[in-house]
């Protein structure tokens, strides 16, 4: 492994022929287990300086991953050097925790993670959980009505702390 993270991303399309730039994760799921493990090992090395202890690790995954995919993420993190157990949580839950929202009790909050279908999945699951009504969200959730729950997303400006960030930063 020559580079990981932002350094590897900068090499995309510019690397010499003897260097192959790959993405070991695709859509939040491991596409190449060995490379994912090596990438995680390098990330751990960069941030965890102690040789005598293993770091605790929490990994977030898309809501729609299977049990097998979830276990593969745990295994890759453990093989890379993380302390057992490696905790795996869903991306919408991680976003809620990161935003300081109360996750142990139902409350009216909307987390917007633009990209990869995370908004669609998180919103649908929350609507089903809160209302008990099977909910279908149209393809463009920011410009549409939630069918089944009877709610709309017309008042986006009323939501506090909404931030959109480009992946290109």
N, C-alpha and C. Protein backbone atom coordinates (compact mmCIF):
# COMPACT_ATOMS: atom_id res chain seq x y z
N UNK A 1 0.85 -1.17 0.00
CA UNK A 1 0.00 0.00 0.00
C UNK A 1 0.90 1.23 0.00
N UNK A 2 0.73 2.07 -1.00
CA UNK A 2 1.54 3.27 -1.16
C UNK A 2 0.89 4.46 -0.47
N UNK A 3 -0.43 4.58 -0.57
CA UNK A 3 -1.15 5.72 0.01
C UNK A 3 -2.58 5.30 0.31
N UNK A 4 -3.19 5.99 1.29
CA UNK A 4 -4.59 5.76 1.63
C UNK A 4 -5.27 7.11 1.82
N UNK A 5 -6.58 7.09 1.83
CA UNK A 5 -7.35 8.30 2.13
C UNK A 5 -7.20 9.38 1.08
N UNK A 6 -7.04 10.62 1.55
CA UNK A 6 -6.94 11.77 0.64
C UNK A 6 -5.73 11.66 -0.28
N UNK A 7 -4.63 11.13 0.23
CA UNK A 7 -3.44 10.97 -0.60
C UNK A 7 -3.72 10.03 -1.77
N UNK A 8 -4.41 8.94 -1.52
CA UNK A 8 -4.76 8.01 -2.59
C UNK A 8 -5.76 8.64 -3.55
N UNK A 9 -6.71 9.40 -3.01
CA UNK A 9 -7.72 10.05 -3.86
C UNK A 9 -7.08 11.03 -4.83
N UNK A 10 -6.05 11.74 -4.37
CA UNK A 10 -5.36 12.68 -5.25
C UNK A 10 -4.62 11.97 -6.39
N UNK A 11 -4.30 10.70 -6.19
CA UNK A 11 -3.59 9.93 -7.21
C UNK A 11 -4.53 9.35 -8.26
N UNK A 12 -5.83 9.40 -8.00
CA UNK A 12 -6.82 8.81 -8.91
C UNK A 12 -6.67 9.40 -10.30
N UNK A 13 -6.41 8.58 -11.29
CA UNK A 13 -6.26 9.02 -12.67
C UNK A 13 -4.90 9.63 -12.97
N UNK A 14 -4.02 9.74 -11.98
CA UNK A 14 -2.71 10.36 -12.18
C UNK A 14 -1.55 9.42 -11.82
N UNK A 15 -1.85 8.25 -11.32
CA UNK A 15 -0.81 7.34 -10.85
C UNK A 15 -0.04 6.74 -12.02
N UNK A 16 1.25 6.49 -11.83
CA UNK A 16 2.02 5.81 -12.88
C UNK A 16 1.49 4.40 -13.11
N UNK A 17 1.88 3.79 -14.20
CA UNK A 17 1.34 2.48 -14.58
C UNK A 17 1.64 1.38 -13.57
N UNK A 18 2.73 1.52 -12.82
CA UNK A 18 3.08 0.47 -11.87
C UNK A 18 2.31 0.59 -10.54
N UNK A 19 1.48 1.61 -10.41
CA UNK A 19 0.67 1.81 -9.20
C UNK A 19 -0.80 1.75 -9.59
N UNK A 20 -1.53 0.94 -8.86
CA UNK A 20 -2.97 0.77 -9.11
C UNK A 20 -3.73 1.45 -7.99
N UNK A 21 -4.61 2.40 -8.32
CA UNK A 21 -5.44 3.08 -7.33
C UNK A 21 -6.80 2.39 -7.33
N UNK A 22 -7.20 1.91 -6.16
CA UNK A 22 -8.46 1.17 -6.05
C UNK A 22 -9.28 1.69 -4.88
N UNK A 23 -10.55 1.38 -4.91
CA UNK A 23 -11.46 1.70 -3.81
C UNK A 23 -11.90 0.37 -3.19
N UNK A 24 -11.37 0.07 -2.01
CA UNK A 24 -11.73 -1.21 -1.39
C UNK A 24 -13.17 -1.26 -0.88
N UNK A 25 -13.84 -0.11 -0.82
CA UNK A 25 -15.25 -0.06 -0.43
C UNK A 25 -16.07 0.46 -1.59
N UNK A 26 -17.24 -0.11 -1.79
CA UNK A 26 -18.16 0.38 -2.82
C UNK A 26 -19.54 0.46 -2.20
N UNK A 27 -20.13 1.63 -2.24
CA UNK A 27 -21.46 1.86 -1.67
C UNK A 27 -21.52 1.45 -0.20
N UNK A 28 -20.43 1.70 0.52
CA UNK A 28 -20.39 1.41 1.94
C UNK A 28 -20.17 -0.05 2.29
N UNK A 29 -19.90 -0.87 1.30
CA UNK A 29 -19.72 -2.30 1.50
C UNK A 29 -18.32 -2.68 1.01
N UNK A 30 -17.70 -3.64 1.67
CA UNK A 30 -16.35 -4.06 1.30
C UNK A 30 -16.37 -4.74 -0.07
N UNK A 31 -15.58 -4.19 -1.00
CA UNK A 31 -15.44 -4.78 -2.33
C UNK A 31 -14.18 -5.65 -2.40
N UNK A 32 -13.14 -5.28 -1.65
CA UNK A 32 -11.89 -6.05 -1.60
C UNK A 32 -11.47 -6.14 -0.14
N UNK A 33 -11.68 -7.30 0.47
CA UNK A 33 -11.46 -7.46 1.91
C UNK A 33 -10.02 -7.19 2.30
N UNK A 34 -9.06 -7.77 1.58
CA UNK A 34 -7.64 -7.61 1.93
C UNK A 34 -7.20 -6.16 1.86
N UNK A 35 -7.59 -5.47 0.79
CA UNK A 35 -7.22 -4.05 0.67
C UNK A 35 -7.92 -3.20 1.72
N UNK A 36 -9.15 -3.55 2.05
CA UNK A 36 -9.86 -2.81 3.10
C UNK A 36 -9.14 -2.98 4.43
N UNK A 37 -8.72 -4.18 4.73
CA UNK A 37 -7.98 -4.43 5.96
C UNK A 37 -6.68 -3.63 5.99
N UNK A 38 -5.95 -3.61 4.88
CA UNK A 38 -4.70 -2.85 4.81
C UNK A 38 -4.96 -1.36 4.97
N UNK A 39 -6.03 -0.87 4.35
CA UNK A 39 -6.38 0.55 4.47
C UNK A 39 -6.70 0.89 5.93
N UNK A 40 -7.51 0.07 6.58
CA UNK A 40 -7.85 0.31 7.98
C UNK A 40 -6.61 0.24 8.87
N UNK A 41 -5.72 -0.72 8.59
CA UNK A 41 -4.48 -0.84 9.36
C UNK A 41 -3.66 0.45 9.25
N UNK A 42 -3.60 1.03 8.05
CA UNK A 42 -2.85 2.28 7.85
C UNK A 42 -3.53 3.44 8.58
N UNK A 43 -4.86 3.51 8.51
CA UNK A 43 -5.57 4.56 9.25
C UNK A 43 -5.31 4.44 10.75
N UNK A 44 -5.35 3.21 11.26
CA UNK A 44 -5.08 3.00 12.68
C UNK A 44 -3.66 3.44 13.01
N UNK A 45 -2.70 3.07 12.17
CA UNK A 45 -1.31 3.46 12.41
C UNK A 45 -1.14 4.97 12.46
N UNK A 46 -1.89 5.68 11.62
CA UNK A 46 -1.77 7.14 11.56
C UNK A 46 -2.31 7.82 12.82
N UNK A 47 -3.31 7.25 13.45
CA UNK A 47 -3.95 7.94 14.58
C UNK A 47 -3.71 7.30 15.94
N UNK A 48 -3.27 6.06 15.96
CA UNK A 48 -3.08 5.35 17.24
C UNK A 48 -1.60 5.06 17.41
N UNK A 49 -0.97 5.77 18.32
CA UNK A 49 0.49 5.68 18.45
C UNK A 49 0.96 4.64 19.45
N UNK A 50 0.11 4.16 20.31
CA UNK A 50 0.52 3.20 21.34
C UNK A 50 0.74 1.81 20.74
N UNK A 51 1.86 1.21 21.09
CA UNK A 51 2.14 -0.15 20.63
C UNK A 51 1.57 -1.19 21.60
N UNK A 52 1.18 -0.74 22.79
CA UNK A 52 0.79 -1.66 23.84
C UNK A 52 -0.71 -1.88 23.95
N UNK A 53 -1.49 -1.13 23.24
CA UNK A 53 -2.94 -1.31 23.29
C UNK A 53 -3.53 -1.22 21.90
N UNK A 54 -4.67 -1.82 21.75
CA UNK A 54 -5.39 -1.74 20.48
C UNK A 54 -6.47 -0.68 20.61
N UNK A 55 -6.74 0.05 19.54
CA UNK A 55 -7.77 1.09 19.63
C UNK A 55 -9.18 0.51 19.62
N UNK A 56 -10.09 1.19 20.30
CA UNK A 56 -11.51 0.85 20.19
C UNK A 56 -12.01 1.43 18.88
N UNK A 57 -12.94 0.73 18.25
CA UNK A 57 -13.39 1.18 16.94
C UNK A 57 -14.89 1.03 16.81
N UNK A 58 -15.52 2.07 16.29
CA UNK A 58 -16.93 2.04 15.93
C UNK A 58 -16.97 2.34 14.44
N UNK A 59 -17.61 1.47 13.68
CA UNK A 59 -17.68 1.63 12.23
C UNK A 59 -19.14 1.81 11.86
N UNK A 60 -19.42 2.80 11.01
CA UNK A 60 -20.81 2.96 10.56
C UNK A 60 -20.94 2.41 9.15
N UNK A 61 -22.09 1.82 8.90
CA UNK A 61 -22.39 1.18 7.63
C UNK A 61 -23.74 1.67 7.13
N UNK A 62 -24.00 1.56 5.83
CA UNK A 62 -25.33 1.91 5.33
C UNK A 62 -26.40 1.04 5.99
N UNK A 63 -27.59 1.57 6.11
CA UNK A 63 -28.68 0.85 6.77
C UNK A 63 -29.05 -0.45 6.07
N UNK A 64 -28.85 -0.50 4.78
CA UNK A 64 -29.32 -1.66 4.02
C UNK A 64 -28.31 -2.79 3.90
N UNK A 65 -27.19 -2.75 4.62
CA UNK A 65 -26.21 -3.84 4.52
C UNK A 65 -26.77 -5.11 5.14
N UNK A 66 -26.30 -6.23 4.63
CA UNK A 66 -26.74 -7.52 5.15
C UNK A 66 -25.91 -7.89 6.37
N UNK A 67 -26.33 -8.92 7.06
CA UNK A 67 -25.58 -9.41 8.21
C UNK A 67 -24.19 -9.87 7.82
N UNK A 68 -24.06 -10.49 6.66
CA UNK A 68 -22.76 -10.95 6.17
C UNK A 68 -21.84 -9.76 5.91
N UNK A 69 -22.38 -8.71 5.28
CA UNK A 69 -21.58 -7.51 5.01
C UNK A 69 -21.17 -6.82 6.31
N UNK A 70 -22.07 -6.78 7.26
CA UNK A 70 -21.78 -6.18 8.58
C UNK A 70 -20.65 -6.95 9.26
N UNK A 71 -20.71 -8.28 9.21
CA UNK A 71 -19.69 -9.11 9.82
C UNK A 71 -18.34 -8.93 9.11
N UNK A 72 -18.36 -8.76 7.80
CA UNK A 72 -17.11 -8.54 7.05
C UNK A 72 -16.44 -7.24 7.50
N UNK A 73 -17.23 -6.21 7.77
CA UNK A 73 -16.68 -4.94 8.26
C UNK A 73 -16.04 -5.15 9.63
N UNK A 74 -16.73 -5.86 10.50
CA UNK A 74 -16.17 -6.16 11.83
C UNK A 74 -14.86 -6.93 11.71
N UNK A 75 -14.85 -7.96 10.88
CA UNK A 75 -13.65 -8.78 10.71
C UNK A 75 -12.49 -7.96 10.17
N UNK A 76 -12.75 -7.14 9.16
CA UNK A 76 -11.68 -6.32 8.57
C UNK A 76 -11.08 -5.40 9.62
N UNK A 77 -11.92 -4.78 10.44
CA UNK A 77 -11.42 -3.87 11.48
C UNK A 77 -10.62 -4.64 12.54
N UNK A 78 -11.11 -5.81 12.93
CA UNK A 78 -10.38 -6.61 13.92
C UNK A 78 -9.05 -7.09 13.37
N UNK A 79 -9.03 -7.57 12.13
CA UNK A 79 -7.78 -8.04 11.52
C UNK A 79 -6.80 -6.89 11.32
N UNK A 80 -7.32 -5.68 11.16
CA UNK A 80 -6.45 -4.50 10.98
C UNK A 80 -5.83 -4.04 12.29
N UNK A 81 -6.33 -4.55 13.42
CA UNK A 81 -5.71 -4.20 14.69
C UNK A 81 -6.61 -3.53 15.69
N UNK A 82 -7.91 -3.47 15.44
CA UNK A 82 -8.83 -2.86 16.40
C UNK A 82 -9.11 -3.82 17.55
N UNK A 83 -9.40 -3.26 18.71
CA UNK A 83 -9.76 -4.04 19.88
C UNK A 83 -11.15 -4.65 19.69
N UNK A 84 -11.32 -5.86 20.17
CA UNK A 84 -12.63 -6.49 20.13
C UNK A 84 -13.45 -6.05 21.32
N UNK A 85 -14.73 -5.87 21.21
CA UNK A 85 -15.51 -5.97 19.98
C UNK A 85 -15.43 -4.68 19.17
N UNK A 86 -15.55 -4.82 17.86
CA UNK A 86 -15.70 -3.67 16.98
C UNK A 86 -17.19 -3.43 16.86
N UNK A 87 -17.63 -2.22 17.19
CA UNK A 87 -19.05 -1.89 17.15
C UNK A 87 -19.42 -1.40 15.75
N UNK A 88 -20.50 -1.91 15.22
CA UNK A 88 -20.99 -1.51 13.91
C UNK A 88 -22.37 -0.90 14.09
N UNK A 89 -22.52 0.36 13.66
CA UNK A 89 -23.81 1.03 13.75
C UNK A 89 -24.18 1.58 12.38
N UNK A 90 -25.45 1.84 12.19
CA UNK A 90 -25.92 2.34 10.90
C UNK A 90 -25.62 3.83 10.77
N UNK A 91 -25.38 4.27 9.53
CA UNK A 91 -24.99 5.66 9.26
C UNK A 91 -25.97 6.69 9.81
N UNK A 92 -27.31 6.51 9.65
CA UNK A 92 -28.21 7.52 10.23
C UNK A 92 -28.07 7.64 11.75
N UNK A 93 -27.84 6.53 12.43
CA UNK A 93 -27.65 6.57 13.88
C UNK A 93 -26.35 7.29 14.22
N UNK A 94 -25.29 7.01 13.47
CA UNK A 94 -24.01 7.69 13.71
C UNK A 94 -24.14 9.19 13.49
N UNK A 95 -24.89 9.58 12.47
CA UNK A 95 -25.09 11.01 12.22
C UNK A 95 -25.88 11.66 13.35
N UNK A 96 -26.89 10.97 13.86
CA UNK A 96 -27.68 11.51 14.97
C UNK A 96 -26.83 11.67 16.22
N UNK A 97 -26.01 10.67 16.52
CA UNK A 97 -25.12 10.75 17.68
C UNK A 97 -24.13 11.89 17.50
N UNK A 98 -23.54 11.98 16.31
CA UNK A 98 -22.58 13.05 16.02
C UNK A 98 -23.18 14.44 16.12
N UNK A 99 -24.46 14.55 15.79
CA UNK A 99 -25.14 15.84 15.87
C UNK A 99 -25.64 16.14 17.27
N UNK A 100 -25.46 15.21 18.19
CA UNK A 100 -25.90 15.42 19.57
C UNK A 100 -27.39 15.28 19.77
N UNK A 101 -28.06 14.57 18.87
CA UNK A 101 -29.51 14.39 18.99
C UNK A 101 -29.82 13.28 19.99
N UNK A 102 -30.96 13.37 20.66
CA UNK A 102 -31.34 12.30 21.60
C UNK A 102 -31.74 11.04 20.83
N UNK A 103 -30.91 10.01 20.88
CA UNK A 103 -31.18 8.81 20.09
C UNK A 103 -31.94 7.74 20.87
N UNK A 104 -32.04 7.89 22.17
CA UNK A 104 -32.73 6.87 22.96
C UNK A 104 -34.22 7.13 23.09
N UNK A 105 -34.68 8.26 22.59
CA UNK A 105 -36.10 8.58 22.67
C UNK A 105 -36.56 9.13 21.32
N UNK A 106 -37.81 8.86 20.95
CA UNK A 106 -38.31 9.39 19.68
C UNK A 106 -38.46 10.91 19.74
N UNK A 107 -37.97 11.56 18.72
CA UNK A 107 -38.13 13.01 18.63
C UNK A 107 -38.17 13.39 17.16
N UNK A 108 -38.68 14.56 16.87
CA UNK A 108 -38.84 15.01 15.49
C UNK A 108 -37.56 15.68 15.01
N UNK A 109 -36.65 14.90 14.45
CA UNK A 109 -35.41 15.40 13.89
C UNK A 109 -35.23 14.78 12.52
N UNK A 110 -34.60 15.51 11.63
CA UNK A 110 -34.30 14.99 10.30
C UNK A 110 -32.82 15.20 10.06
N UNK A 111 -32.14 14.14 9.74
CA UNK A 111 -30.72 14.21 9.43
C UNK A 111 -30.60 14.08 7.92
N UNK A 112 -29.94 15.03 7.29
CA UNK A 112 -29.78 15.00 5.84
C UNK A 112 -28.34 14.65 5.51
N UNK A 113 -28.15 13.49 4.93
CA UNK A 113 -26.85 13.03 4.44
C UNK A 113 -27.03 12.87 2.95
N UNK A 114 -26.64 13.87 2.20
CA UNK A 114 -26.90 13.85 0.77
C UNK A 114 -25.87 12.96 0.10
N UNK A 115 -26.34 11.88 -0.48
CA UNK A 115 -25.45 10.98 -1.19
C UNK A 115 -25.67 9.54 -0.79
N UNK A 116 -25.56 8.67 -1.77
CA UNK A 116 -25.60 7.24 -1.52
C UNK A 116 -26.93 6.70 -1.03
N UNK A 117 -27.98 7.48 -1.09
CA UNK A 117 -29.27 6.98 -0.66
C UNK A 117 -29.47 6.97 0.85
N UNK A 118 -28.53 7.56 1.59
CA UNK A 118 -28.62 7.53 3.05
C UNK A 118 -29.85 8.28 3.54
N UNK A 119 -30.15 9.43 2.94
CA UNK A 119 -31.33 10.20 3.35
C UNK A 119 -32.58 9.39 3.12
N UNK A 120 -32.69 8.81 1.96
CA UNK A 120 -33.87 8.04 1.61
C UNK A 120 -34.09 6.90 2.59
N UNK A 121 -33.05 6.16 2.88
CA UNK A 121 -33.16 5.02 3.78
C UNK A 121 -33.48 5.45 5.20
N UNK A 122 -32.73 6.42 5.72
CA UNK A 122 -32.93 6.88 7.09
C UNK A 122 -34.31 7.47 7.29
N UNK A 123 -34.77 8.26 6.34
CA UNK A 123 -36.08 8.88 6.43
C UNK A 123 -37.18 7.83 6.40
N UNK A 124 -37.06 6.89 5.49
CA UNK A 124 -38.07 5.83 5.38
C UNK A 124 -38.16 5.02 6.66
N UNK A 125 -37.00 4.61 7.19
CA UNK A 125 -37.00 3.82 8.42
C UNK A 125 -37.59 4.59 9.59
N UNK A 126 -37.24 5.86 9.70
CA UNK A 126 -37.75 6.68 10.81
C UNK A 126 -39.26 6.86 10.70
N UNK A 127 -39.74 7.10 9.48
CA UNK A 127 -41.18 7.27 9.29
C UNK A 127 -41.93 6.00 9.66
N UNK A 128 -41.42 4.85 9.25
CA UNK A 128 -42.07 3.59 9.59
C UNK A 128 -42.06 3.39 11.10
N UNK A 129 -40.93 3.67 11.73
CA UNK A 129 -40.81 3.49 13.18
C UNK A 129 -41.75 4.43 13.94
N UNK A 130 -41.80 5.69 13.53
CA UNK A 130 -42.58 6.69 14.25
C UNK A 130 -44.08 6.55 14.03
N UNK A 131 -44.48 6.22 12.81
CA UNK A 131 -45.91 6.21 12.50
C UNK A 131 -46.52 4.82 12.44
N UNK A 132 -45.67 3.81 12.27
CA UNK A 132 -46.19 2.46 12.09
C UNK A 132 -46.82 2.26 10.73
N UNK A 133 -46.67 3.22 9.85
CA UNK A 133 -47.25 3.15 8.51
C UNK A 133 -46.15 2.82 7.51
N UNK A 134 -46.41 1.83 6.65
CA UNK A 134 -45.44 1.52 5.61
C UNK A 134 -45.27 2.76 4.74
N UNK A 135 -44.04 3.22 4.59
CA UNK A 135 -43.76 4.49 3.95
C UNK A 135 -42.91 4.30 2.71
N UNK A 136 -43.26 5.01 1.65
CA UNK A 136 -42.46 5.01 0.42
C UNK A 136 -42.08 6.45 0.14
N UNK A 137 -40.80 6.68 -0.09
CA UNK A 137 -40.34 8.03 -0.39
C UNK A 137 -40.00 8.10 -1.87
N UNK A 138 -40.44 9.15 -2.54
CA UNK A 138 -40.16 9.31 -3.96
C UNK A 138 -38.66 9.43 -4.20
N UNK A 139 -38.25 9.31 -5.45
CA UNK A 139 -36.83 9.29 -5.80
C UNK A 139 -36.07 10.53 -5.37
N UNK A 140 -36.70 11.69 -5.36
CA UNK A 140 -36.02 12.92 -4.97
C UNK A 140 -36.64 13.40 -3.66
N UNK A 141 -36.15 12.91 -2.52
CA UNK A 141 -36.82 13.18 -1.25
C UNK A 141 -36.84 14.65 -0.85
N UNK A 142 -35.91 15.46 -1.33
CA UNK A 142 -35.91 16.87 -0.94
C UNK A 142 -36.96 17.67 -1.69
N UNK A 143 -37.47 17.14 -2.77
CA UNK A 143 -38.44 17.87 -3.58
C UNK A 143 -39.77 17.12 -3.67
N UNK A 144 -40.05 16.24 -2.74
CA UNK A 144 -41.21 15.39 -2.90
C UNK A 144 -42.00 15.23 -1.62
N UNK A 145 -43.07 14.51 -1.74
CA UNK A 145 -43.95 14.21 -0.61
C UNK A 145 -43.67 12.78 -0.17
N UNK A 146 -43.68 12.56 1.12
CA UNK A 146 -43.54 11.21 1.64
C UNK A 146 -44.91 10.56 1.53
N UNK A 147 -45.03 9.53 0.75
CA UNK A 147 -46.31 8.88 0.51
C UNK A 147 -46.56 7.86 1.61
N UNK A 148 -47.70 7.94 2.25
CA UNK A 148 -48.05 6.98 3.29
C UNK A 148 -47.98 7.60 4.67
N UNK A 149 -47.01 8.43 4.92
CA UNK A 149 -46.88 9.08 6.21
C UNK A 149 -47.62 10.40 6.26
N UNK A 150 -47.95 10.95 5.10
CA UNK A 150 -48.69 12.20 5.05
C UNK A 150 -47.86 13.41 5.40
N UNK A 151 -46.54 13.32 5.35
CA UNK A 151 -45.68 14.45 5.69
C UNK A 151 -44.98 14.97 4.44
N UNK A 152 -44.65 16.24 4.45
CA UNK A 152 -43.90 16.82 3.34
C UNK A 152 -42.62 17.43 3.86
N UNK A 153 -41.72 17.71 2.94
CA UNK A 153 -40.46 18.35 3.29
C UNK A 153 -40.42 19.77 2.74
N UNK A 154 -41.51 20.49 2.90
CA UNK A 154 -41.59 21.84 2.36
C UNK A 154 -40.82 22.86 3.19
N UNK A 155 -40.69 22.65 4.47
CA UNK A 155 -40.10 23.64 5.35
C UNK A 155 -38.65 23.32 5.69
N UNK A 156 -37.84 23.09 4.68
CA UNK A 156 -36.44 22.75 4.93
C UNK A 156 -35.71 23.86 5.67
N UNK A 157 -36.07 25.13 5.42
CA UNK A 157 -35.38 26.23 6.08
C UNK A 157 -35.65 26.26 7.58
N UNK A 158 -36.66 25.56 8.03
CA UNK A 158 -36.97 25.55 9.46
C UNK A 158 -36.06 24.60 10.24
N UNK A 159 -35.38 23.70 9.50
CA UNK A 159 -34.48 22.77 10.18
C UNK A 159 -33.20 23.47 10.58
N UNK A 160 -32.74 23.21 11.78
CA UNK A 160 -31.54 23.86 12.29
C UNK A 160 -30.31 23.00 12.03
N UNK A 161 -29.20 23.66 11.81
CA UNK A 161 -27.93 22.96 11.71
C UNK A 161 -27.76 22.08 10.49
N UNK A 162 -28.43 22.40 9.41
CA UNK A 162 -28.32 21.60 8.20
C UNK A 162 -27.10 22.04 7.42
N UNK A 163 -26.22 21.13 7.11
CA UNK A 163 -25.00 21.45 6.39
C UNK A 163 -24.81 20.46 5.27
N UNK A 164 -24.46 20.96 4.12
CA UNK A 164 -24.10 20.09 3.00
C UNK A 164 -22.63 20.29 2.73
N UNK A 165 -21.92 19.21 2.53
CA UNK A 165 -20.48 19.29 2.31
C UNK A 165 -20.13 18.42 1.12
N UNK A 166 -19.31 18.95 0.26
CA UNK A 166 -18.91 18.22 -0.93
C UNK A 166 -17.91 17.14 -0.58
N UNK A 167 -17.96 16.02 -1.30
CA UNK A 167 -16.97 14.96 -1.12
C UNK A 167 -15.61 15.37 -1.68
N UNK A 168 -15.58 16.42 -2.48
CA UNK A 168 -14.34 16.83 -3.14
C UNK A 168 -13.44 17.69 -2.28
N UNK A 169 -13.81 17.93 -1.04
CA UNK A 169 -13.00 18.80 -0.19
C UNK A 169 -11.79 18.09 0.33
